Amino acid sequence: MNPFGAYAEYGAIGVVVVLFIGQIMFLQKTLTSKLAEIEDICIKLIDRWNRSDEVRDRRHEQLLQEMNDITDDINFLKGRMNSKDA
C-alpha cells in the first residue's frame, strides 16, 4: 500500500469531519439566534394581549359606571313620581 494514499485518505476523512463539525456549529448558532427572535416576538405578543385586556377592562368599568349613573337617575325619577302619587 502506498503511504501517500493512506495520508490522502486520512486527510480526506479529516476534512469531511471538520466540515461536518463546522456545519453542526453553524446550525446550532443559527438555531439559537432564531429562538431568541421567537422569544422576543412572544414577549411582544404577550405584552400586546395585556394592553388589550387593560383597554377592555377600562371600557367595561366605564360601561358599568354609566349604567350605575342611569340607574340612579331612574330611581330618582321613580321617587319623584311616587311622591306625587301619594
N, C-alpha and C. Protein backbone atom coordinates (compact mmCIF):
# COMPACT_ATOMS: atom_id res chain seq x y z
N MET A 1 0.85 -1.18 0.00
CA MET A 1 0.00 0.00 0.00
C MET A 1 0.89 1.24 0.00
N ASN A 2 0.50 2.20 -0.74
CA ASN A 2 1.24 3.43 -0.89
C ASN A 2 1.02 4.32 0.34
N PRO A 3 2.09 4.77 1.03
CA PRO A 3 1.90 5.62 2.22
C PRO A 3 1.24 6.95 1.88
N PHE A 4 1.49 7.45 0.69
CA PHE A 4 0.84 8.70 0.30
C PHE A 4 -0.66 8.53 0.17
N GLY A 5 -1.11 7.38 -0.28
CA GLY A 5 -2.53 7.09 -0.41
C GLY A 5 -3.20 7.06 0.95
N ALA A 6 -2.52 6.52 1.97
CA ALA A 6 -3.08 6.48 3.32
C ALA A 6 -3.22 7.88 3.88
N TYR A 7 -2.20 8.73 3.68
CA TYR A 7 -2.28 10.11 4.15
C TYR A 7 -3.40 10.87 3.44
N ALA A 8 -3.55 10.62 2.15
CA ALA A 8 -4.61 11.29 1.40
C ALA A 8 -5.98 10.85 1.89
N GLU A 9 -6.12 9.55 2.18
CA GLU A 9 -7.40 9.04 2.67
C GLU A 9 -7.73 9.62 4.03
N TYR A 10 -6.74 9.61 4.94
CA TYR A 10 -6.98 10.17 6.28
C TYR A 10 -7.20 11.68 6.20
N GLY A 11 -6.53 12.33 5.29
CA GLY A 11 -6.73 13.77 5.11
C GLY A 11 -8.14 14.08 4.62
N ALA A 12 -8.60 13.27 3.66
CA ALA A 12 -9.96 13.47 3.15
C ALA A 12 -10.99 13.22 4.24
N ILE A 13 -10.79 12.18 5.03
CA ILE A 13 -11.70 11.89 6.16
C ILE A 13 -11.66 13.03 7.16
N GLY A 14 -10.46 13.55 7.44
CA GLY A 14 -10.33 14.68 8.36
C GLY A 14 -11.06 15.91 7.88
N VAL A 15 -10.96 16.19 6.57
CA VAL A 15 -11.65 17.35 6.00
C VAL A 15 -13.16 17.17 6.12
N VAL A 16 -13.65 15.98 5.84
CA VAL A 16 -15.09 15.72 5.94
C VAL A 16 -15.56 15.88 7.38
N VAL A 17 -14.78 15.38 8.34
CA VAL A 17 -15.15 15.50 9.76
C VAL A 17 -15.15 16.97 10.17
N VAL A 18 -14.15 17.72 9.75
CA VAL A 18 -14.09 19.15 10.11
C VAL A 18 -15.27 19.89 9.48
N LEU A 19 -15.60 19.61 8.24
CA LEU A 19 -16.75 20.24 7.60
C LEU A 19 -18.05 19.88 8.31
N PHE A 20 -18.19 18.63 8.71
CA PHE A 20 -19.40 18.21 9.41
C PHE A 20 -19.53 18.93 10.75
N ILE A 21 -18.44 19.00 11.50
CA ILE A 21 -18.47 19.71 12.79
C ILE A 21 -18.77 21.19 12.58
N GLY A 22 -18.17 21.78 11.55
CA GLY A 22 -18.46 23.18 11.24
C GLY A 22 -19.92 23.40 10.91
N GLN A 23 -20.50 22.48 10.16
CA GLN A 23 -21.91 22.60 9.81
C GLN A 23 -22.78 22.49 11.06
N ILE A 24 -22.47 21.58 11.94
CA ILE A 24 -23.23 21.44 13.19
C ILE A 24 -23.13 22.71 14.01
N MET A 25 -21.94 23.29 14.11
CA MET A 25 -21.77 24.53 14.89
C MET A 25 -22.55 25.68 14.25
N PHE A 26 -22.51 25.78 12.91
CA PHE A 26 -23.26 26.82 12.21
C PHE A 26 -24.76 26.67 12.45
N LEU A 27 -25.27 25.46 12.35
CA LEU A 27 -26.70 25.22 12.57
C LEU A 27 -27.09 25.53 14.01
N GLN A 28 -26.22 25.20 14.95
CA GLN A 28 -26.51 25.49 16.35
C GLN A 28 -26.58 26.99 16.59
N LYS A 29 -25.66 27.74 16.01
CA LYS A 29 -25.66 29.19 16.18
C LYS A 29 -26.89 29.81 15.53
N THR A 30 -27.25 29.33 14.34
CA THR A 30 -28.42 29.84 13.65
C THR A 30 -29.69 29.54 14.44
N LEU A 31 -29.80 28.33 14.94
CA LEU A 31 -30.98 27.94 15.72
C LEU A 31 -31.09 28.78 16.99
N THR A 32 -29.98 29.03 17.65
CA THR A 32 -30.00 29.84 18.87
C THR A 32 -30.48 31.26 18.57
N SER A 33 -30.00 31.84 17.48
CA SER A 33 -30.42 33.20 17.15
C SER A 33 -31.90 33.24 16.78
N LYS A 34 -32.39 32.23 16.06
CA LYS A 34 -33.81 32.19 15.69
C LYS A 34 -34.68 32.01 16.92
N LEU A 35 -34.24 31.19 17.87
CA LEU A 35 -35.01 31.01 19.10
C LEU A 35 -35.08 32.30 19.91
N ALA A 36 -34.00 33.07 19.91
CA ALA A 36 -34.01 34.36 20.60
C ALA A 36 -35.00 35.31 19.93
N GLU A 37 -35.06 35.31 18.60
CA GLU A 37 -36.02 36.15 17.90
C GLU A 37 -37.45 35.73 18.23
N ILE A 38 -37.70 34.43 18.27
CA ILE A 38 -39.04 33.93 18.58
C ILE A 38 -39.42 34.30 20.01
N GLU A 39 -38.46 34.24 20.91
CA GLU A 39 -38.72 34.61 22.30
C GLU A 39 -39.12 36.08 22.39
N ASP A 40 -38.40 36.95 21.66
CA ASP A 40 -38.75 38.37 21.65
C ASP A 40 -40.14 38.60 21.08
N ILE A 41 -40.48 37.88 20.02
CA ILE A 41 -41.80 38.02 19.42
C ILE A 41 -42.89 37.58 20.39
N CYS A 42 -42.65 36.49 21.11
CA CYS A 42 -43.63 36.00 22.09
C CYS A 42 -43.82 37.01 23.22
N ILE A 43 -42.74 37.61 23.68
CA ILE A 43 -42.84 38.61 24.75
C ILE A 43 -43.65 39.81 24.27
N LYS A 44 -43.39 40.26 23.04
CA LYS A 44 -44.15 41.39 22.49
C LYS A 44 -45.62 41.03 22.33
N LEU A 45 -45.91 39.81 21.91
CA LEU A 45 -47.30 39.38 21.73
C LEU A 45 -48.02 39.33 23.08
N ILE A 46 -47.38 38.82 24.11
CA ILE A 46 -47.99 38.77 25.44
C ILE A 46 -48.24 40.18 25.96
N ASP A 47 -47.27 41.09 25.75
CA ASP A 47 -47.47 42.49 26.17
C ASP A 47 -48.66 43.11 25.44
N ARG A 48 -48.80 42.80 24.16
CA ARG A 48 -49.92 43.32 23.38
C ARG A 48 -51.25 42.82 23.93
N TRP A 49 -51.29 41.53 24.25
CA TRP A 49 -52.52 40.97 24.83
C TRP A 49 -52.85 41.64 26.16
N ASN A 50 -51.84 41.88 26.99
CA ASN A 50 -52.06 42.52 28.28
C ASN A 50 -52.61 43.93 28.10
N ARG A 51 -52.07 44.66 27.13
CA ARG A 51 -52.57 46.01 26.88
C ARG A 51 -54.01 45.98 26.39
N SER A 52 -54.34 45.04 25.52
CA SER A 52 -55.72 44.97 25.03
C SER A 52 -56.66 44.57 26.15
N ASP A 53 -56.20 43.73 27.08
CA ASP A 53 -57.02 43.37 28.24
C ASP A 53 -57.27 44.58 29.12
N GLU A 54 -56.26 45.43 29.28
CA GLU A 54 -56.42 46.64 30.09
C GLU A 54 -57.45 47.57 29.46
N VAL A 55 -57.38 47.72 28.15
CA VAL A 55 -58.33 48.58 27.44
C VAL A 55 -59.75 48.02 27.60
N ARG A 56 -59.88 46.71 27.45
CA ARG A 56 -61.20 46.10 27.60
C ARG A 56 -61.73 46.29 29.02
N ASP A 57 -60.86 46.13 30.01
CA ASP A 57 -61.29 46.33 31.40
C ASP A 57 -61.73 47.77 31.64
N ARG A 58 -61.01 48.74 31.08
CA ARG A 58 -61.40 50.13 31.25
C ARG A 58 -62.75 50.41 30.60
N ARG A 59 -62.97 49.85 29.42
CA ARG A 59 -64.27 50.02 28.75
C ARG A 59 -65.39 49.43 29.59
N HIS A 60 -65.14 48.25 30.14
CA HIS A 60 -66.14 47.59 30.97
C HIS A 60 -66.45 48.44 32.21
N GLU A 61 -65.41 48.98 32.86
CA GLU A 61 -65.63 49.81 34.04
C GLU A 61 -66.40 51.08 33.68
N GLN A 62 -66.08 51.68 32.53
CA GLN A 62 -66.82 52.88 32.10
C GLN A 62 -68.28 52.55 31.81
N LEU A 63 -68.51 51.40 31.20
CA LEU A 63 -69.89 50.99 30.90
C LEU A 63 -70.67 50.76 32.20
N LEU A 64 -70.05 50.11 33.17
CA LEU A 64 -70.72 49.89 34.45
C LEU A 64 -71.00 51.21 35.16
N GLN A 65 -70.06 52.15 35.10
CA GLN A 65 -70.27 53.45 35.73
C GLN A 65 -71.43 54.19 35.07
N GLU A 66 -71.49 54.12 33.75
CA GLU A 66 -72.59 54.77 33.03
C GLU A 66 -73.92 54.12 33.38
N MET A 67 -73.96 52.80 33.47
CA MET A 67 -75.19 52.11 33.86
C MET A 67 -75.60 52.48 35.27
N ASN A 68 -74.66 52.60 36.18
CA ASN A 68 -74.98 53.00 37.56
C ASN A 68 -75.55 54.42 37.59
N ASP A 69 -74.97 55.31 36.79
CA ASP A 69 -75.49 56.68 36.74
C ASP A 69 -76.92 56.71 36.22
N ILE A 70 -77.17 55.94 35.16
CA ILE A 70 -78.53 55.88 34.60
C ILE A 70 -79.50 55.27 35.59
N THR A 71 -79.06 54.22 36.30
CA THR A 71 -79.92 53.59 37.31
C THR A 71 -80.24 54.57 38.43
N ASP A 72 -79.25 55.37 38.85
CA ASP A 72 -79.51 56.38 39.88
C ASP A 72 -80.53 57.40 39.39
N ASP A 73 -80.40 57.83 38.14
CA ASP A 73 -81.35 58.81 37.59
C ASP A 73 -82.76 58.22 37.52
N ILE A 74 -82.86 56.97 37.09
CA ILE A 74 -84.18 56.32 37.01
C ILE A 74 -84.79 56.19 38.40
N ASN A 75 -84.00 55.79 39.38
CA ASN A 75 -84.52 55.67 40.75
C ASN A 75 -84.96 57.04 41.28
N PHE A 76 -84.23 58.10 40.94
CA PHE A 76 -84.62 59.44 41.37
C PHE A 76 -85.97 59.81 40.76
N LEU A 77 -86.11 59.53 39.45
CA LEU A 77 -87.38 59.85 38.79
C LEU A 77 -88.52 59.02 39.35
N LYS A 78 -88.28 57.75 39.66
CA LYS A 78 -89.33 56.92 40.27
C LYS A 78 -89.75 57.48 41.62
N GLY A 79 -88.77 57.92 42.38
CA GLY A 79 -89.07 58.50 43.69
C GLY A 79 -89.89 59.77 43.55
N ARG A 80 -89.59 60.59 42.56
CA ARG A 80 -90.36 61.81 42.33
C ARG A 80 -91.79 61.48 41.91
N MET A 81 -91.93 60.44 41.05
CA MET A 81 -93.27 60.08 40.60
C MET A 81 -94.07 59.47 41.74
N ASN A 82 -93.46 58.67 42.58
CA ASN A 82 -94.18 58.06 43.71
C ASN A 82 -94.56 59.11 44.75
N SER A 83 -93.74 60.14 44.93
CA SER A 83 -94.10 61.14 45.93
C SER A 83 -95.26 62.03 45.43
N LYS A 84 -95.41 62.18 44.13
CA LYS A 84 -96.53 62.95 43.60
C LYS A 84 -97.83 62.15 43.69
N ASP A 85 -97.74 60.82 43.57
CA ASP A 85 -98.95 59.98 43.64
C ASP A 85 -99.50 59.91 45.05
N ALA A 86 -98.68 60.05 46.04
CA ALA A 86 -99.16 59.88 47.42
C ALA A 86 -99.85 61.08 47.97
